[in-house]
C-alpha atoms as a PDB file:
ATOM      1  CA  UNK A   1      -0.011   0.001   0.059  1.00  0.00           C
ATOM      2  CA  UNK A   2       1.337   3.446  -1.057  1.00  0.00           C
ATOM      3  CA  UNK A   3       1.829   5.858   1.757  1.00  0.00           C
ATOM      4  CA  UNK A   4       3.146   9.387   1.260  1.00  0.00           C
ATOM      5  CA  UNK A   5       3.990  12.229   3.675  1.00  0.00           C
ATOM      6  CA  UNK A   6       4.973  15.147   1.372  1.00  0.00           C
ATOM      7  CA  UNK A   7       3.445  17.142  -1.301  1.00  0.00           C
ATOM      8  CA  UNK A   8       3.714  15.687  -4.731  1.00  0.00           C
ATOM      9  CA  UNK A   9       6.216  17.055  -7.181  1.00  0.00           C
ATOM     10  CA  UNK A  10       7.312  16.593 -10.797  1.00  0.00           C
ATOM     11  CA  UNK A  11      10.130  14.215 -10.485  1.00  0.00           C
ATOM     12  CA  UNK A  12      12.431  13.990 -13.626  1.00  0.00           C
ATOM     13  CA  UNK A  13      15.592  12.457 -12.200  1.00  0.00           C
ATOM     14  CA  UNK A  14      14.950   8.983 -10.740  1.00  0.00           C
ATOM     15  CA  UNK A  15      17.717   7.414  -8.553  1.00  0.00           C
ATOM     16  CA  UNK A  16      17.365   3.584  -7.727  1.00  0.00           C
ATOM     17  CA  UNK A  17      19.330   1.452  -5.199  1.00  0.00           C
ATOM     18  CA  UNK A  18      20.024  -1.852  -6.870  1.00  0.00           C
ATOM     19  CA  UNK A  19      20.330  -4.674  -4.216  1.00  0.00           C
ATOM     20  CA  UNK A  20      17.067  -5.319  -2.731  1.00  0.00           C
ATOM     21  CA  UNK A  21      15.304  -2.633  -4.513  1.00  0.00           C
ATOM     22  CA  UNK A  22      15.377  -3.252  -8.302  1.00  0.00           C
ATOM     23  CA  UNK A  23      16.827  -6.697  -7.851  1.00  0.00           C
ATOM     24  CA  UNK A  24      16.300  -9.509  -5.553  1.00  0.00           C
ATOM     25  CA  UNK A  25      19.706  -9.784  -4.606  1.00  0.00           C
ATOM     26  CA  UNK A  26      19.584  -9.769  -0.855  1.00  0.00           C
ATOM     27  CA  UNK A  27      19.350 -13.621  -0.507  1.00  0.00           C
ATOM     28  CA  UNK A  28      22.469 -13.993  -2.676  1.00  0.00           C
ATOM     29  CA  UNK A  29      24.490 -11.472  -0.611  1.00  0.00           C
ATOM     30  CA  UNK A  30      23.430 -12.952   2.560  1.00  0.00           C
ATOM     31  CA  UNK A  31      24.399 -16.516   1.594  1.00  0.00           C
ATOM     32  CA  UNK A  32      27.745 -15.276   0.288  1.00  0.00           C
ATOM     33  CA  UNK A  33      28.418 -13.663   3.535  1.00  0.00           C
ATOM     34  CA  UNK A  34      27.371 -16.697   5.658  1.00  0.00           C
ATOM     35  CA  UNK A  35      29.628 -18.991   3.596  1.00  0.00           C
ATOM     36  CA  UNK A  36      32.638 -16.728   3.914  1.00  0.00           C
ATOM     37  CA  UNK A  37      32.019 -16.236   7.633  1.00  0.00           C
ATOM     38  CA  UNK A  38      31.568 -19.927   8.268  1.00  0.00           C
ATOM     39  CA  UNK A  39      35.087 -20.579   6.672  1.00  0.00           C
ATOM     40  CA  UNK A  40      36.489 -18.598   9.627  1.00  0.00           C
ATOM     41  CA  UNK A  41      34.208 -20.315  12.164  1.00  0.00           C
ATOM     42  CA  UNK A  42      32.181 -17.032  12.692  1.00  0.00           C
ATOM     43  CA  UNK A  43      28.389 -17.379  12.507  1.00  0.00           C
ATOM     44  CA  UNK A  44      26.642 -14.049  12.899  1.00  0.00           C
ATOM     45  CA  UNK A  45      22.783 -13.869  12.611  1.00  0.00           C
ATOM     46  CA  UNK A  46      21.095 -12.770   9.487  1.00  0.00           C
ATOM     47  CA  UNK A  47      20.080  -9.519  11.074  1.00  0.00           C
ATOM     48  CA  UNK A  48      23.747  -8.722  12.076  1.00  0.00           C
ATOM     49  CA  UNK A  49      24.870  -9.299   8.554  1.00  0.00           C
ATOM     50  CA  UNK A  50      22.089  -7.106   7.066  1.00  0.00           C
ATOM     51  CA  UNK A  51      22.643  -4.293   9.550  1.00  0.00           C
ATOM     52  CA  UNK A  52      26.400  -4.323   9.950  1.00  0.00           C
ATOM     53  CA  UNK A  53      27.873  -6.046   6.700  1.00  0.00           C
ATOM     54  CA  UNK A  54      25.683  -4.894   3.785  1.00  0.00           C
ATOM     55  CA  UNK A  55      27.234  -2.138   1.846  1.00  0.00           C
ATOM     56  CA  UNK A  56      30.658  -2.113   3.611  1.00  0.00           C
ATOM     57  CA  UNK A  57      33.296  -3.955   1.582  1.00  0.00           C
ATOM     58  CA  UNK A  58      35.563  -4.140   4.783  1.00  0.00           C
ATOM     59  CA  UNK A  59      32.801  -5.167   7.320  1.00  0.00           C
ATOM     60  CA  UNK A  60      34.230  -8.577   7.945  1.00  0.00           C
ATOM     61  CA  UNK A  61      36.794  -6.810  10.128  1.00  0.00           C
ATOM     62  CA  UNK A  62      34.003  -5.923  12.570  1.00  0.00           C
ATOM     63  CA  UNK A  63      33.127  -9.638  13.023  1.00  0.00           C
ATOM     64  CA  UNK A  64      36.563 -10.820  13.837  1.00  0.00           C
ATOM     65  CA  UNK A  65      38.138 -11.553  10.411  1.00  0.00           C
ATOM     66  CA  UNK A  66      41.687 -10.361  10.524  1.00  0.00           C
ATOM     67  CA  UNK A  67      43.231  -7.962   8.076  1.00  0.00           C
ATOM     68  CA  UNK A  68      45.526 -10.668   6.856  1.00  0.00           C
ATOM     69  CA  UNK A  69      42.437 -13.041   6.232  1.00  0.00           C
ATOM     70  CA  UNK A  70      40.321 -10.284   4.501  1.00  0.00           C
ATOM     71  CA  UNK A  71      41.566 -11.275   0.921  1.00  0.00           C
ATOM     72  CA  UNK A  72      40.638 -14.893   1.591  1.00  0.00           C
ATOM     73  CA  UNK A  73      37.323 -13.759   2.872  1.00  0.00           C
ATOM     74  CA  UNK A  74      36.590 -11.621   0.044  1.00  0.00           C
ATOM     75  CA  UNK A  75      37.642 -14.474  -2.458  1.00  0.00           C
ATOM     76  CA  UNK A  76      35.120 -16.744  -1.012  1.00  0.00           C
ATOM     77  CA  UNK A  77      32.441 -14.198  -0.636  1.00  0.00           C
ATOM     78  CA  UNK A  78      32.710 -12.722  -4.122  1.00  0.00           C
ATOM     79  CA  UNK A  79      33.143 -15.958  -5.622  1.00  0.00           C
ATOM     80  CA  UNK A  80      29.719 -17.044  -4.528  1.00  0.00           C
ATOM     81  CA  UNK A  81      28.042 -13.845  -5.473  1.00  0.00           C
ATOM     82  CA  UNK A  82      29.521 -13.894  -9.051  1.00  0.00           C
ATOM     83  CA  UNK A  83      28.297 -17.299  -9.571  1.00  0.00           C
ATOM     84  CA  UNK A  84      24.579 -16.252  -9.087  1.00  0.00           C
ATOM     85  CA  UNK A  85      24.306 -12.569  -9.662  1.00  0.00           C
ATOM     86  CA  UNK A  86      24.144 -12.709 -13.406  1.00  0.00           C
ATOM     87  CA  UNK A  87      20.783 -14.673 -13.250  1.00  0.00           C
ATOM     88  CA  UNK A  88      19.350 -12.744 -10.342  1.00  0.00           C
ATOM     89  CA  UNK A  89      15.642 -11.890 -10.541  1.00  0.00           C
ATOM     90  CA  UNK A  90      14.425  -8.257 -10.648  1.00  0.00           C
ATOM     91  CA  UNK A  91      11.526  -7.467  -8.344  1.00  0.00           C
ATOM     92  CA  UNK A  92       7.972  -7.774  -9.902  1.00  0.00           C
ATOM     93  CA  UNK A  93       6.912  -5.096 -12.375  1.00  0.00           C
ATOM     94  CA  UNK A  94      10.545  -3.556 -12.433  1.00  0.00           C
ATOM     95  CA  UNK A  95      10.953  -3.932 -16.189  1.00  0.00           C
ATOM     96  CA  UNK A  96       7.447  -2.402 -17.008  1.00  0.00           C
ATOM     97  CA  UNK A  97       7.983   0.349 -14.562  1.00  0.00           C
ATOM     98  CA  UNK A  98      11.377   1.313 -16.159  1.00  0.00           C
ATOM     99  CA  UNK A  99       9.933   1.047 -19.589  1.00  0.00           C
ATOM    100  CA  UNK A 100       7.040   3.463 -18.565  1.00  0.00           C
ATOM    101  CA  UNK A 101       9.514   5.876 -17.028  1.00  0.00           C
ATOM    102  CA  UNK A 102      11.592   6.104 -20.159  1.00  0.00           C
ATOM    103  CA  UNK A 103       8.436   6.830 -22.195  1.00  0.00           C
ATOM    104  CA  UNK A 104       7.702   9.670 -19.935  1.00  0.00           C
ATOM    105  CA  UNK A 105      11.476  10.766 -20.734  1.00  0.00           C
ATOM    106  CA  UNK A 106      12.617  10.559 -17.087  1.00  0.00           C
ATOM    107  CA  UNK A 107      16.294  10.267 -16.548  1.00  0.00           C
ATOM    108  CA  UNK A 108      17.257   7.156 -14.467  1.00  0.00           C
ATOM    109  CA  UNK A 109      20.252   6.242 -12.566  1.00  0.00           C
ATOM    110  CA  UNK A 110      21.253   3.251 -10.445  1.00  0.00           C
ATOM    111  CA  UNK A 111      23.196   4.360  -7.336  1.00  0.00           C
ATOM    112  CA  UNK A 112      24.737   1.266  -5.747  1.00  0.00           C
ATOM    113  CA  UNK A 113      27.814   0.117  -3.510  1.00  0.00           C
ATOM    114  CA  UNK A 114      27.811  -2.951  -5.614  1.00  0.00           C
ATOM    115  CA  UNK A 115      29.873  -3.070  -9.006  1.00  0.00           C
ATOM    116  CA  UNK A 116      28.670  -2.668 -12.693  1.00  0.00           C
ATOM    117  CA  UNK A 117      30.012  -6.145 -13.382  1.00  0.00           C
ATOM    118  CA  UNK A 118      27.238  -7.479 -11.040  1.00  0.00           C
ATOM    119  CA  UNK A 119      24.502  -5.192 -12.221  1.00  0.00           C
ATOM    120  CA  UNK A 120      24.714  -4.992 -16.179  1.00  0.00           C
ATOM    121  CA  UNK A 121      24.323  -8.800 -16.792  1.00  0.00           C
ATOM    122  CA  UNK A 122      21.290  -9.014 -14.767  1.00  0.00           C
ATOM    123  CA  UNK A 123      19.858  -5.835 -16.554  1.00  0.00           C
ATOM    124  CA  UNK A 124      20.738  -7.292 -20.009  1.00  0.00           C
ATOM    125  CA  UNK A 125      19.105 -10.660 -19.179  1.00  0.00           C
ATOM    126  CA  UNK A 126      15.974  -8.874 -18.286  1.00  0.00           C
ATOM    127  CA  UNK A 127      16.229  -6.474 -21.426  1.00  0.00           C
ATOM    128  CA  UNK A 128      16.314  -3.480 -19.113  1.00  0.00           C
ATOM    129  CA  UNK A 129      19.727  -2.013 -19.646  1.00  0.00           C
ATOM    130  CA  UNK A 130      18.545   0.302 -22.322  1.00  0.00           C
ATOM    131  CA  UNK A 131      16.275   2.147 -19.843  1.00  0.00           C
ATOM    132  CA  UNK A 132      19.179   2.916 -17.537  1.00  0.00           C
ATOM    133  CA  UNK A 133      20.911   6.276 -18.273  1.00  0.00           C
ATOM    134  CA  UNK A 134      23.865   5.867 -15.756  1.00  0.00           C
ATOM    135  CA  UNK A 135      25.205   3.562 -13.094  1.00  0.00           C
ATOM    136  CA  UNK A 136      27.132   4.904 -10.229  1.00  0.00           C
ATOM    137  CA  UNK A 137      28.851   1.988  -8.412  1.00  0.00           C
ATOM    138  CA  UNK A 138      30.771   1.608  -5.211  1.00  0.00           C
ATOM    139  CA  UNK A 139      34.168   2.393  -7.044  1.00  0.00           C
ATOM    140  CA  UNK A 140      33.048   5.597  -8.422  1.00  0.00           C
ATOM    141  CA  UNK A 141      32.954   7.431  -5.090  1.00  0.00           C
ATOM    142  CA  UNK A 142      35.127   7.807  -1.935  1.00  0.00           C
ATOM    143  CA  UNK A 143      32.191   7.787   0.492  1.00  0.00           C
ATOM    144  CA  UNK A 144      29.319   5.336   0.338  1.00  0.00           C
ATOM    145  CA  UNK A 145      25.865   5.713   1.321  1.00  0.00           C
ATOM    146  CA  UNK A 146      24.550   7.215   3.757  1.00  0.00           C
ATOM    147  CA  UNK A 147      26.949   9.727   2.529  1.00  0.00           C
ATOM    148  CA  UNK A 148      25.346  11.775  -0.371  1.00  0.00           C
ATOM    149  CA  UNK A 149      28.507  11.723  -2.654  1.00  0.00           C
ATOM    150  CA  UNK A 150      27.039   8.899  -4.910  1.00  0.00           C
ATOM    151  CA  UNK A 151      23.714  10.805  -5.316  1.00  0.00           C
ATOM    152  CA  UNK A 152      25.378  14.064  -6.050  1.00  0.00           C
ATOM    153  CA  UNK A 153      27.597  12.299  -8.717  1.00  0.00           C
ATOM    154  CA  UNK A 154      24.465  10.736 -10.360  1.00  0.00           C
ATOM    155  CA  UNK A 155      22.693  14.072 -10.565  1.00  0.00           C
ATOM    156  CA  UNK A 156      25.858  15.561 -12.057  1.00  0.00           C
ATOM    157  CA  UNK A 157      26.012  13.027 -14.777  1.00  0.00           C
ATOM    158  CA  UNK A 158      22.304  13.348 -15.353  1.00  0.00           C
ATOM    159  CA  UNK A 159      22.469  17.109 -15.326  1.00  0.00           C
ATOM    160  CA  UNK A 160      19.641  17.159 -12.882  1.00  0.00           C
ATOM    161  CA  UNK A 161      18.590  19.244 -10.025  1.00  0.00           C
ATOM    162  CA  UNK A 162      17.888  17.746  -6.598  1.00  0.00           C
ATOM    163  CA  UNK A 163      14.524  19.611  -6.402  1.00  0.00           C
ATOM    164  CA  UNK A 164      13.396  17.466  -9.314  1.00  0.00           C
ATOM    165  CA  UNK A 165      15.078  14.216  -7.967  1.00  0.00           C
ATOM    166  CA  UNK A 166      13.970  11.222  -5.886  1.00  0.00           C
ATOM    167  CA  UNK A 167      15.945   8.360  -4.445  1.00  0.00           C
ATOM    168  CA  UNK A 168      14.235   5.155  -4.213  1.00  0.00           C
ATOM    169  CA  UNK A 169      15.726   2.306  -2.157  1.00  0.00           C
ATOM    170  CA  UNK A 170      15.057  -0.487   0.413  1.00  0.00           C
ATOM    171  CA  UNK A 171      17.548   0.232   3.235  1.00  0.00           C
ATOM    172  CA  UNK A 172      18.351   2.667   5.844  1.00  0.00           C
ATOM    173  CA  UNK A 173      21.485   3.845   4.046  1.00  0.00           C
ATOM    174  CA  UNK A 174      19.412   4.696   0.831  1.00  0.00           C
ATOM    175  CA  UNK A 175      17.016   6.839   2.720  1.00  0.00           C
ATOM    176  CA  UNK A 176      19.604   8.514   4.953  1.00  0.00           C
ATOM    177  CA  UNK A 177      21.707   9.237   1.675  1.00  0.00           C
ATOM    178  CA  UNK A 178      18.679  10.804   0.077  1.00  0.00           C
ATOM    179  CA  UNK A 179      18.031  13.065   3.165  1.00  0.00           C
ATOM    180  CA  UNK A 180      21.554  13.865   3.440  1.00  0.00           C
ATOM    181  CA  UNK A 181      21.533  14.950  -0.312  1.00  0.00           C
ATOM    182  CA  UNK A 182      18.294  17.012   0.333  1.00  0.00           C
ATOM    183  CA  UNK A 183      16.155  15.041  -2.177  1.00  0.00           C
ATOM    184  CA  UNK A 184      12.828  13.257  -1.799  1.00  0.00           C
ATOM    185  CA  UNK A 185      13.037   9.756  -0.653  1.00  0.00           C
ATOM    186  CA  UNK A 186      10.934   6.582  -1.322  1.00  0.00           C
ATOM    187  CA  UNK A 187      11.462   3.248   0.590  1.00  0.00           C
ATOM    188  CA  UNK A 188      10.565   0.018  -1.124  1.00  0.00           C
ATOM    189  CA  UNK A 189       9.101  -2.460   1.157  1.00  0.00           C
ATOM    190  CA  UNK A 190       7.784  -5.540  -0.609  1.00  0.00           C
ATOM    191  CA  UNK A 191       6.762  -8.551   1.142  1.00  0.00           C
ATOM    192  CA  UNK A 192      10.029 -10.304   0.448  1.00  0.00           C
ATOM    193  CA  UNK A 193      11.884  -7.704   2.568  1.00  0.00           C
ATOM    194  CA  UNK A 194       9.722  -8.361   5.666  1.00  0.00           C
ATOM    195  CA  UNK A 195      12.199 -11.032   6.922  1.00  0.00           C
ATOM    196  CA  UNK A 196      14.894  -8.352   6.951  1.00  0.00           C
ATOM    197  CA  UNK A 197      13.141  -5.187   8.050  1.00  0.00           C
ATOM    198  CA  UNK A 198      10.083  -4.717  10.411  1.00  0.00           C
ATOM    199  CA  UNK A 199       7.322  -2.368   9.762  1.00  0.00           C
ATOM    200  CA  UNK A 200       8.629  -0.395  12.711  1.00  0.00           C
ATOM    201  CA  UNK A 201      11.925  -0.071  11.197  1.00  0.00           C
ATOM    202  CA  UNK A 202      10.608   1.152   7.934  1.00  0.00           C
ATOM    203  CA  UNK A 203       8.349   3.805   9.663  1.00  0.00           C
ATOM    204  CA  UNK A 204      11.385   5.013  11.667  1.00  0.00           C
ATOM    205  CA  UNK A 205      13.164   5.804   8.416  1.00  0.00           C
ATOM    206  CA  UNK A 206      10.690   8.604   7.866  1.00  0.00           C
ATOM    207  CA  UNK A 207      10.841   8.415   4.145  1.00  0.00           C
ATOM    208  CA  UNK A 208       8.620  10.677   2.153  1.00  0.00           C
ATOM    209  CA  UNK A 209       6.968   7.786   0.482  1.00  0.00           C
ATOM    210  CA  UNK A 210       6.601   4.067   1.150  1.00  0.00           C
ATOM    211  CA  UNK A 211       5.825   1.717  -1.642  1.00  0.00           C
ATOM    212  CA  UNK A 212       5.177  -2.008  -1.683  1.00  0.00           C
ATOM    213  CA  UNK A 213       4.635  -2.519  -5.371  1.00  0.00           C
ATOM    214  CA  UNK A 214       6.332  -0.853  -8.286  1.00  0.00           C
ATOM    215  CA  UNK A 215       3.120  -0.259  -9.832  1.00  0.00           C
ATOM    216  CA  UNK A 216       2.360   2.411  -7.290  1.00  0.00           C
ATOM    217  CA  UNK A 217       5.435   4.558  -8.495  1.00  0.00           C
ATOM    218  CA  UNK A 218       3.656   6.481 -11.136  1.00  0.00           C
ATOM    219  CA  UNK A 219       1.420   7.795  -8.294  1.00  0.00           C
ATOM    220  CA  UNK A 220       4.461   9.618  -6.931  1.00  0.00           C
ATOM    221  CA  UNK A 221       6.104  10.848  -9.955  1.00  0.00           C
END
Protein backbone atom coordinates (compact mmCIF):
# COMPACT_ATOMS: atom_id res chain seq x y z
CA UNK A 1 0.00 0.00 0.00
CA UNK A 2 1.33 3.40 -1.00
CA UNK A 3 1.85 5.92 1.76
CA UNK A 4 3.12 9.45 1.30
CA UNK A 5 4.06 12.19 3.70
CA UNK A 6 4.94 15.11 1.43
CA UNK A 7 3.48 17.20 -1.35
CA UNK A 8 3.70 15.61 -4.77
CA UNK A 9 6.22 17.11 -7.19
CA UNK A 10 7.20 16.57 -10.80
CA UNK A 11 10.19 14.23 -10.49
CA UNK A 12 12.40 14.04 -13.59
CA UNK A 13 15.53 12.41 -12.14
CA UNK A 14 14.91 8.98 -10.65
CA UNK A 15 17.70 7.38 -8.60
CA UNK A 16 17.35 3.71 -7.71
CA UNK A 17 19.29 1.50 -5.38
CA UNK A 18 20.01 -1.89 -6.95
CA UNK A 19 20.36 -4.54 -4.24
CA UNK A 20 17.04 -5.32 -2.62
CA UNK A 21 15.31 -2.56 -4.54
CA UNK A 22 15.31 -3.17 -8.29
CA UNK A 23 16.86 -6.63 -7.91
CA UNK A 24 16.14 -9.48 -5.52
CA UNK A 25 19.81 -9.83 -4.63
CA UNK A 26 19.63 -9.79 -0.84
CA UNK A 27 19.40 -13.60 -0.46
CA UNK A 28 22.51 -13.97 -2.65
CA UNK A 29 24.55 -11.44 -0.67
CA UNK A 30 23.35 -12.96 2.60
CA UNK A 31 24.34 -16.50 1.62
CA UNK A 32 27.70 -15.28 0.31
CA UNK A 33 28.49 -13.60 3.60
CA UNK A 34 27.37 -16.64 5.62
CA UNK A 35 29.61 -18.99 3.62
CA UNK A 36 32.61 -16.72 3.91
CA UNK A 37 32.11 -16.19 7.65
CA UNK A 38 31.62 -19.92 8.22
CA UNK A 39 35.04 -20.58 6.66
CA UNK A 40 36.49 -18.67 9.61
CA UNK A 41 34.12 -20.28 12.14
CA UNK A 42 32.17 -17.04 12.55
CA UNK A 43 28.38 -17.36 12.59
CA UNK A 44 26.60 -14.00 12.79
CA UNK A 45 22.83 -13.82 12.61
CA UNK A 46 21.08 -12.74 9.43
CA UNK A 47 20.11 -9.50 11.15
CA UNK A 48 23.72 -8.76 12.10
CA UNK A 49 24.85 -9.34 8.53
CA UNK A 50 22.10 -7.17 7.06
CA UNK A 51 22.60 -4.28 9.48
CA UNK A 52 26.39 -4.33 9.84
CA UNK A 53 27.85 -5.95 6.71
CA UNK A 54 25.69 -4.95 3.77
CA UNK A 55 27.19 -2.08 1.80
CA UNK A 56 30.56 -2.13 3.57
CA UNK A 57 33.30 -4.01 1.71
CA UNK A 58 35.51 -4.17 4.83
CA UNK A 59 32.77 -5.11 7.26
CA UNK A 60 34.22 -8.57 7.92
CA UNK A 61 36.78 -6.88 10.16
CA UNK A 62 33.95 -5.94 12.54
CA UNK A 63 33.09 -9.62 12.98
CA UNK A 64 36.58 -10.82 13.84
CA UNK A 65 38.14 -11.56 10.45
CA UNK A 66 41.73 -10.32 10.54
CA UNK A 67 43.23 -7.89 8.07
CA UNK A 68 45.49 -10.72 6.87
CA UNK A 69 42.49 -12.96 6.18
CA UNK A 70 40.36 -10.30 4.51
CA UNK A 71 41.53 -11.20 1.00
CA UNK A 72 40.60 -14.86 1.54
CA UNK A 73 37.23 -13.84 2.98
CA UNK A 74 36.56 -11.64 -0.05
CA UNK A 75 37.58 -14.44 -2.42
CA UNK A 76 35.01 -16.82 -0.93
CA UNK A 77 32.33 -14.17 -0.65
CA UNK A 78 32.75 -12.63 -4.11
CA UNK A 79 33.21 -16.04 -5.71
CA UNK A 80 29.78 -17.13 -4.52
CA UNK A 81 28.11 -13.86 -5.48
CA UNK A 82 29.66 -13.87 -8.97
CA UNK A 83 28.22 -17.30 -9.69
CA UNK A 84 24.63 -16.26 -9.00
CA UNK A 85 24.40 -12.52 -9.67
CA UNK A 86 24.09 -12.64 -13.49
CA UNK A 87 20.88 -14.68 -13.18
CA UNK A 88 19.33 -12.73 -10.32
CA UNK A 89 15.65 -11.90 -10.61
CA UNK A 90 14.43 -8.34 -10.64
CA UNK A 91 11.46 -7.51 -8.48
CA UNK A 92 7.97 -7.74 -9.88
CA UNK A 93 6.96 -5.01 -12.36
CA UNK A 94 10.47 -3.50 -12.42
CA UNK A 95 10.96 -3.88 -16.17
CA UNK A 96 7.51 -2.52 -16.99
CA UNK A 97 8.05 0.36 -14.59
CA UNK A 98 11.42 1.30 -16.11
CA UNK A 99 9.95 1.11 -19.60
CA UNK A 100 7.12 3.45 -18.62
CA UNK A 101 9.51 5.93 -17.01
CA UNK A 102 11.59 6.14 -20.17
CA UNK A 103 8.43 6.71 -22.24
CA UNK A 104 7.83 9.68 -19.95
CA UNK A 105 11.40 10.85 -20.72
CA UNK A 106 12.55 10.51 -17.12
CA UNK A 107 16.29 10.29 -16.48
CA UNK A 108 17.20 7.14 -14.55
CA UNK A 109 20.34 6.22 -12.63
CA UNK A 110 21.25 3.26 -10.45
CA UNK A 111 23.22 4.30 -7.35
CA UNK A 112 24.77 1.27 -5.71
CA UNK A 113 27.67 0.14 -3.54
CA UNK A 114 27.83 -2.95 -5.75
CA UNK A 115 29.79 -3.01 -9.03
CA UNK A 116 28.68 -2.67 -12.64
CA UNK A 117 29.94 -6.17 -13.42
CA UNK A 118 27.22 -7.54 -11.12
CA UNK A 119 24.49 -5.16 -12.28
CA UNK A 120 24.77 -4.99 -16.06
CA UNK A 121 24.45 -8.74 -16.81
CA UNK A 122 21.21 -8.92 -14.85
CA UNK A 123 19.82 -5.81 -16.56
CA UNK A 124 20.73 -7.26 -19.95
CA UNK A 125 19.16 -10.60 -19.11
CA UNK A 126 15.87 -8.86 -18.35
CA UNK A 127 16.15 -6.54 -21.39
CA UNK A 128 16.23 -3.51 -19.10
CA UNK A 129 19.73 -2.10 -19.65
CA UNK A 130 18.50 0.34 -22.31
CA UNK A 131 16.28 2.07 -19.74
CA UNK A 132 19.17 3.05 -17.46
CA UNK A 133 20.97 6.27 -18.29
CA UNK A 134 23.86 5.76 -15.88
CA UNK A 135 25.16 3.51 -13.11
CA UNK A 136 27.14 4.86 -10.16
CA UNK A 137 28.83 1.92 -8.45
CA UNK A 138 30.90 1.60 -5.30
CA UNK A 139 34.17 2.34 -7.08
CA UNK A 140 32.99 5.68 -8.44
CA UNK A 141 32.97 7.43 -5.07
CA UNK A 142 35.10 7.77 -1.98
CA UNK A 143 32.19 7.89 0.45
CA UNK A 144 29.41 5.31 0.23
CA UNK A 145 25.77 5.73 1.27
CA UNK A 146 24.51 7.11 3.65
CA UNK A 147 26.96 9.80 2.55
CA UNK A 148 25.32 11.72 -0.33
CA UNK A 149 28.38 11.68 -2.64
CA UNK A 150 27.04 8.98 -4.97
CA UNK A 151 23.69 10.77 -5.31
CA UNK A 152 25.39 14.07 -6.08
CA UNK A 153 27.52 12.31 -8.68
CA UNK A 154 24.46 10.72 -10.30
CA UNK A 155 22.67 14.07 -10.53
CA UNK A 156 25.79 15.66 -11.98
CA UNK A 157 25.98 13.04 -14.72
CA UNK A 158 22.25 13.32 -15.42
CA UNK A 159 22.51 17.13 -15.32
CA UNK A 160 19.67 17.11 -12.84
CA UNK A 161 18.52 19.31 -10.01
CA UNK A 162 17.88 17.87 -6.56
CA UNK A 163 14.51 19.64 -6.41
CA UNK A 164 13.34 17.36 -9.24
CA UNK A 165 15.03 14.21 -7.97
CA UNK A 166 13.90 11.25 -5.90
CA UNK A 167 15.95 8.45 -4.33
CA UNK A 168 14.25 5.06 -4.16
CA UNK A 169 15.80 2.29 -2.08
CA UNK A 170 15.05 -0.44 0.41
CA UNK A 171 17.50 0.27 3.23
CA UNK A 172 18.28 2.85 5.88
CA UNK A 173 21.46 3.82 4.01
CA UNK A 174 19.47 4.65 0.87
CA UNK A 175 16.97 6.82 2.70
CA UNK A 176 19.60 8.55 4.82
CA UNK A 177 21.67 9.25 1.70
CA UNK A 178 18.65 10.87 0.07
CA UNK A 179 17.95 12.96 3.14
CA UNK A 180 21.62 13.96 3.38
CA UNK A 181 21.51 15.00 -0.27
CA UNK A 182 18.38 17.07 0.33
CA UNK A 183 16.21 15.14 -2.11
CA UNK A 184 12.89 13.32 -1.81
CA UNK A 185 13.06 9.70 -0.66
CA UNK A 186 10.93 6.60 -1.17
CA UNK A 187 11.49 3.29 0.60
CA UNK A 188 10.58 0.10 -1.25
CA UNK A 189 9.13 -2.46 1.17
CA UNK A 190 7.79 -5.54 -0.62
CA UNK A 191 6.64 -8.67 1.17
CA UNK A 192 10.01 -10.32 0.42
CA UNK A 193 11.81 -7.75 2.58
CA UNK A 194 9.66 -8.36 5.67
CA UNK A 195 12.12 -11.05 6.80
CA UNK A 196 14.85 -8.40 6.90
CA UNK A 197 13.08 -5.24 8.03
CA UNK A 198 10.16 -4.80 10.40
CA UNK A 199 7.35 -2.33 9.79
CA UNK A 200 8.56 -0.27 12.75
CA UNK A 201 12.02 -0.11 11.20
CA UNK A 202 10.56 1.15 7.91
CA UNK A 203 8.36 3.70 9.69
CA UNK A 204 11.33 5.01 11.66
CA UNK A 205 13.19 5.79 8.43
CA UNK A 206 10.67 8.59 7.86
CA UNK A 207 10.96 8.37 4.08
CA UNK A 208 8.68 10.72 2.15
CA UNK A 209 7.00 7.72 0.51
CA UNK A 210 6.61 4.01 1.25
CA UNK A 211 5.80 1.73 -1.68
CA UNK A 212 5.21 -2.00 -1.64
CA UNK A 213 4.67 -2.49 -5.38
CA UNK A 214 6.37 -0.75 -8.29
CA UNK A 215 3.01 -0.23 -9.97
CA UNK A 216 2.48 2.43 -7.26
CA UNK A 217 5.42 4.52 -8.41
CA UNK A 218 3.54 6.52 -11.08
CA UNK A 219 1.32 7.90 -8.31
CA UNK A 220 4.42 9.53 -6.83
CA UNK A 221 6.10 10.77 -9.99
